């Protein structure tokens, strides 16, 4: 499901994550798994070009 929803997934020394806007976070019920994002980034959901509001850490999603 992750690869069919997001087009911008990063894996680095911090884990596997993307960024997401408030609208998409609400649409996909992801609140409680997010942290605030500093700076200018675009939402990682396919087809969404909104400015991102949060980081979404997939490790947190896998271990709620």
N, C-alpha and C. Protein backbone atom coordinates (compact mmCIF):
# COMPACT_ATOMS: atom_id res chain seq x y z
N UNK A 1 0.82 -1.19 0.00
CA UNK A 1 0.00 0.00 0.00
C UNK A 1 0.87 1.26 0.00
N UNK A 2 1.98 1.26 0.70
CA UNK A 2 2.80 2.46 0.84
C UNK A 2 3.24 2.97 -0.52
N UNK A 3 3.74 2.10 -1.37
CA UNK A 3 4.25 2.54 -2.68
C UNK A 3 3.14 2.96 -3.62
N UNK A 4 1.90 2.55 -3.37
CA UNK A 4 0.80 2.99 -4.22
C UNK A 4 0.21 4.30 -3.73
N UNK A 5 0.56 4.75 -2.53
CA UNK A 5 0.04 5.99 -1.97
C UNK A 5 1.06 7.13 -2.04
N UNK A 6 2.33 6.82 -1.86
CA UNK A 6 3.37 7.84 -1.79
C UNK A 6 4.34 7.74 -2.97
N UNK A 7 4.76 8.90 -3.48
CA UNK A 7 5.75 8.92 -4.55
C UNK A 7 7.08 9.50 -4.09
N UNK A 8 7.20 9.79 -2.81
CA UNK A 8 8.43 10.38 -2.28
C UNK A 8 8.74 9.75 -0.92
N UNK A 9 9.38 8.60 -0.94
CA UNK A 9 9.75 7.88 0.28
C UNK A 9 11.26 7.90 0.40
N UNK A 10 11.75 8.26 1.58
CA UNK A 10 13.19 8.35 1.81
C UNK A 10 13.60 7.32 2.85
N UNK A 11 14.70 6.63 2.60
CA UNK A 11 15.31 5.75 3.59
C UNK A 11 16.72 6.26 3.83
N UNK A 12 17.01 6.58 5.09
CA UNK A 12 18.33 7.10 5.45
C UNK A 12 18.66 6.66 6.87
N UNK A 13 19.65 7.31 7.48
CA UNK A 13 20.06 6.92 8.84
C UNK A 13 18.96 7.14 9.88
N UNK A 14 17.92 7.89 9.54
CA UNK A 14 16.82 8.15 10.47
C UNK A 14 15.70 7.13 10.34
N UNK A 15 15.70 6.34 9.28
CA UNK A 15 14.64 5.37 9.05
C UNK A 15 14.03 5.55 7.68
N UNK A 16 12.78 5.15 7.54
CA UNK A 16 12.04 5.30 6.30
C UNK A 16 10.90 6.26 6.55
N UNK A 17 10.84 7.33 5.75
CA UNK A 17 9.88 8.39 6.01
C UNK A 17 9.50 9.12 4.74
N UNK A 18 8.47 9.93 4.85
CA UNK A 18 8.04 10.85 3.80
C UNK A 18 7.49 12.08 4.48
N UNK A 19 6.96 12.97 3.71
CA UNK A 19 6.31 14.15 4.27
C UNK A 19 4.87 14.17 3.78
N UNK A 20 3.99 14.80 4.56
CA UNK A 20 2.56 14.76 4.24
C UNK A 20 1.89 16.06 4.68
N UNK A 21 0.91 16.51 3.92
CA UNK A 21 0.16 17.71 4.27
C UNK A 21 -0.95 17.36 5.26
N UNK A 22 -1.51 18.38 5.87
CA UNK A 22 -2.57 18.16 6.85
C UNK A 22 -3.81 17.52 6.22
N UNK A 23 -4.16 17.94 5.00
CA UNK A 23 -5.33 17.37 4.32
C UNK A 23 -5.19 15.87 4.08
N UNK A 24 -4.03 15.45 3.59
CA UNK A 24 -3.81 14.01 3.33
C UNK A 24 -3.70 13.23 4.64
N UNK A 25 -3.10 13.82 5.65
CA UNK A 25 -3.01 13.15 6.96
C UNK A 25 -4.39 12.87 7.51
N UNK A 26 -5.29 13.84 7.34
CA UNK A 26 -6.67 13.65 7.80
C UNK A 26 -7.40 12.62 6.93
N UNK A 27 -7.23 12.73 5.62
CA UNK A 27 -7.90 11.82 4.68
C UNK A 27 -7.54 10.36 4.95
N UNK A 28 -6.25 10.10 5.27
CA UNK A 28 -5.78 8.73 5.49
C UNK A 28 -5.64 8.38 6.97
N UNK A 29 -6.18 9.25 7.84
CA UNK A 29 -6.23 9.00 9.29
C UNK A 29 -4.85 8.67 9.87
N UNK A 30 -3.90 9.55 9.63
CA UNK A 30 -2.52 9.31 10.06
C UNK A 30 -2.09 10.17 11.25
N UNK A 31 -2.99 10.96 11.82
CA UNK A 31 -2.61 11.76 12.98
C UNK A 31 -2.22 10.85 14.13
N UNK A 32 -1.30 11.30 14.97
CA UNK A 32 -0.79 10.49 16.06
C UNK A 32 0.46 9.73 15.65
N UNK A 33 0.81 9.77 14.37
CA UNK A 33 2.00 9.09 13.85
C UNK A 33 2.93 10.08 13.16
N UNK A 34 2.71 11.37 13.40
CA UNK A 34 3.38 12.42 12.65
C UNK A 34 4.20 13.31 13.56
N UNK A 35 5.18 13.99 12.97
CA UNK A 35 5.91 15.04 13.67
C UNK A 35 5.98 16.26 12.76
N UNK A 36 6.04 17.43 13.36
CA UNK A 36 6.06 18.67 12.58
C UNK A 36 7.27 18.72 11.66
N UNK A 37 7.09 19.34 10.52
CA UNK A 37 8.15 19.44 9.53
C UNK A 37 8.59 20.90 9.39
N UNK A 38 9.86 21.15 9.46
CA UNK A 38 10.34 22.52 9.22
C UNK A 38 10.62 22.74 7.74
N UNK A 39 10.46 23.95 7.27
CA UNK A 39 10.88 24.27 5.91
C UNK A 39 9.83 23.97 4.86
N UNK A 40 10.26 24.15 3.63
CA UNK A 40 9.37 24.00 2.47
C UNK A 40 9.56 22.63 1.83
N UNK A 41 8.54 21.80 1.94
CA UNK A 41 8.54 20.48 1.31
C UNK A 41 7.15 20.26 0.72
N UNK A 42 7.08 19.42 -0.29
CA UNK A 42 5.82 19.09 -0.93
C UNK A 42 5.33 17.75 -0.37
N UNK A 43 4.03 17.63 -0.21
CA UNK A 43 3.41 16.40 0.28
C UNK A 43 3.86 15.22 -0.57
N UNK A 44 4.14 14.08 0.05
CA UNK A 44 4.62 12.89 -0.65
C UNK A 44 3.53 12.00 -1.18
N UNK A 45 2.25 12.36 -1.00
CA UNK A 45 1.15 11.56 -1.52
C UNK A 45 1.05 11.78 -3.03
N UNK A 46 0.91 10.70 -3.78
CA UNK A 46 0.82 10.78 -5.24
C UNK A 46 -0.34 11.70 -5.63
N UNK A 47 -0.04 12.67 -6.48
CA UNK A 47 -1.06 13.58 -6.98
C UNK A 47 -1.29 14.81 -6.12
N UNK A 48 -0.70 14.89 -4.94
CA UNK A 48 -0.88 16.04 -4.06
C UNK A 48 0.34 16.96 -4.19
N UNK A 49 0.09 18.23 -4.38
CA UNK A 49 1.18 19.21 -4.50
C UNK A 49 1.12 20.24 -3.37
N UNK A 50 0.37 19.94 -2.31
CA UNK A 50 0.28 20.85 -1.17
C UNK A 50 1.61 20.91 -0.44
N UNK A 51 1.83 22.01 0.27
CA UNK A 51 3.01 22.11 1.12
C UNK A 51 2.85 21.12 2.27
N UNK A 52 3.89 20.38 2.58
CA UNK A 52 3.84 19.38 3.66
C UNK A 52 3.85 20.07 5.02
N UNK A 53 3.12 19.48 5.95
CA UNK A 53 3.05 19.98 7.33
C UNK A 53 3.75 19.06 8.31
N UNK A 54 3.92 17.79 7.93
CA UNK A 54 4.41 16.78 8.87
C UNK A 54 5.38 15.81 8.19
N UNK A 55 6.21 15.19 9.01
CA UNK A 55 6.97 13.99 8.62
C UNK A 55 6.13 12.79 9.01
N UNK A 56 6.14 11.77 8.20
CA UNK A 56 5.49 10.49 8.51
C UNK A 56 6.57 9.43 8.55
N UNK A 57 6.83 8.90 9.72
CA UNK A 57 7.86 7.89 9.94
C UNK A 57 7.21 6.52 9.81
N UNK A 58 7.59 5.75 8.79
CA UNK A 58 6.98 4.45 8.56
C UNK A 58 7.32 3.44 9.65
N UNK A 59 8.41 3.61 10.35
CA UNK A 59 8.74 2.73 11.46
C UNK A 59 7.74 2.89 12.59
N UNK A 60 7.26 4.11 12.81
CA UNK A 60 6.23 4.36 13.82
C UNK A 60 4.91 3.71 13.40
N UNK A 61 4.60 3.79 12.09
CA UNK A 61 3.35 3.18 11.59
C UNK A 61 3.39 1.66 11.73
N UNK A 62 4.54 1.07 11.57
CA UNK A 62 4.65 -0.39 11.65
C UNK A 62 4.58 -0.86 13.10
N UNK A 63 4.89 0.02 14.04
CA UNK A 63 4.90 -0.34 15.46
C UNK A 63 4.11 0.68 16.27
N UNK A 64 2.75 0.74 16.07
CA UNK A 64 1.96 1.74 16.76
C UNK A 64 1.94 1.55 18.26
